Amino acid sequence: MQIAHCIGCGCHDYAACHDEATGGPCSWLAVDYAARVGVCSACPDELERWRQGDRELAVPVDLHGDHPR
């Protein structure tokens, strides 16, 4: 499985961030595992950018780094 990172905050499948709205870990609002990016529920303001096709990460992230399998 590919690991996706949020384009807003950089969280990923193995390190979810805190979603203030739910009080728990975030979940994907949109995700493209082939591109290895998505928008998490803690970053809903990034959805418009996503819908317009912008997949650029707002924070530095190593998309090819080592993650647990």
Protein backbone atom coordinates (compact mmCIF):
# COMPACT_ATOMS: atom_id res chain seq x y z
CA MET A 1 0.00 0.00 0.00
CA GLN A 2 1.19 3.49 -0.83
CA ILE A 3 1.33 6.05 1.97
CA ALA A 4 -0.45 9.36 1.36
CA HIS A 5 0.45 12.70 2.99
CA CYS A 6 -1.96 15.58 3.54
CA ILE A 7 -1.23 18.55 1.28
CA GLY A 8 -2.18 20.90 4.11
CA CYS A 9 -0.40 19.63 7.20
CA GLY A 10 1.77 16.72 6.05
CA CYS A 11 0.21 14.05 8.26
CA HIS A 12 0.06 10.56 6.75
CA ASP A 13 -1.52 7.14 7.11
CA TYR A 14 0.77 6.12 9.97
CA ALA A 15 0.81 9.49 11.77
CA ALA A 16 -2.63 11.10 11.80
CA CYS A 17 -2.97 14.60 13.18
CA HIS A 18 -5.61 15.76 15.70
CA ASP A 19 -8.94 16.77 14.18
CA GLU A 20 -10.37 19.54 16.36
CA ALA A 21 -13.88 18.97 14.98
CA THR A 22 -14.07 15.34 16.08
CA GLY A 23 -11.61 15.43 18.96
CA GLY A 24 -9.85 12.38 17.54
CA PRO A 25 -7.44 11.44 14.79
CA CYS A 26 -8.03 12.84 11.31
CA SER A 27 -9.34 10.87 8.35
CA TRP A 28 -9.15 11.41 4.59
CA LEU A 29 -11.61 13.82 2.97
CA ALA A 30 -9.93 13.16 -0.38
CA VAL A 31 -6.97 10.92 -1.20
CA ASP A 32 -5.03 9.84 -4.27
CA TYR A 33 -2.77 6.95 -3.29
CA ALA A 34 -1.17 6.84 -6.74
CA ALA A 35 0.02 10.44 -6.24
CA ARG A 36 0.67 9.79 -2.52
CA VAL A 37 -1.26 12.88 -1.40
CA GLY A 38 -4.65 13.78 0.03
CA VAL A 39 -6.56 16.21 2.23
CA CYS A 40 -7.22 15.20 5.83
CA SER A 41 -10.28 16.14 7.89
CA ALA A 42 -8.21 18.59 9.95
CA CYS A 43 -7.46 20.61 6.78
CA PRO A 44 -10.88 21.15 5.15
CA ASP A 45 -9.78 24.55 3.83
CA GLU A 46 -7.43 22.68 1.46
CA LEU A 47 -10.33 20.92 -0.32
CA GLU A 48 -10.96 23.77 -2.76
CA ARG A 49 -7.32 23.73 -3.79
CA TRP A 50 -7.56 19.92 -4.21
CA ARG A 51 -10.71 20.22 -6.33
CA GLN A 52 -8.89 22.65 -8.60
CA GLY A 53 -6.18 20.04 -9.18
CA ASP A 54 -3.50 21.53 -6.92
CA ARG A 55 -1.62 18.66 -5.27
CA GLU A 56 1.36 20.68 -4.04
CA LEU A 57 2.31 20.07 -0.42
CA ALA A 58 2.13 23.15 1.82
CA VAL A 59 4.77 21.71 4.17
CA PRO A 60 8.05 19.90 3.50
CA VAL A 61 7.43 16.14 3.32
CA ASP A 62 9.58 13.25 2.12
CA LEU A 63 7.11 11.32 -0.05
CA HIS A 64 9.60 8.53 -0.53
CA GLY A 65 10.80 8.20 3.05
CA ASP A 66 10.66 5.03 5.07
CA HIS A 67 7.35 4.25 6.72
CA PRO A 68 6.21 1.09 8.46
CA ARG A 69 4.59 -1.42 6.16
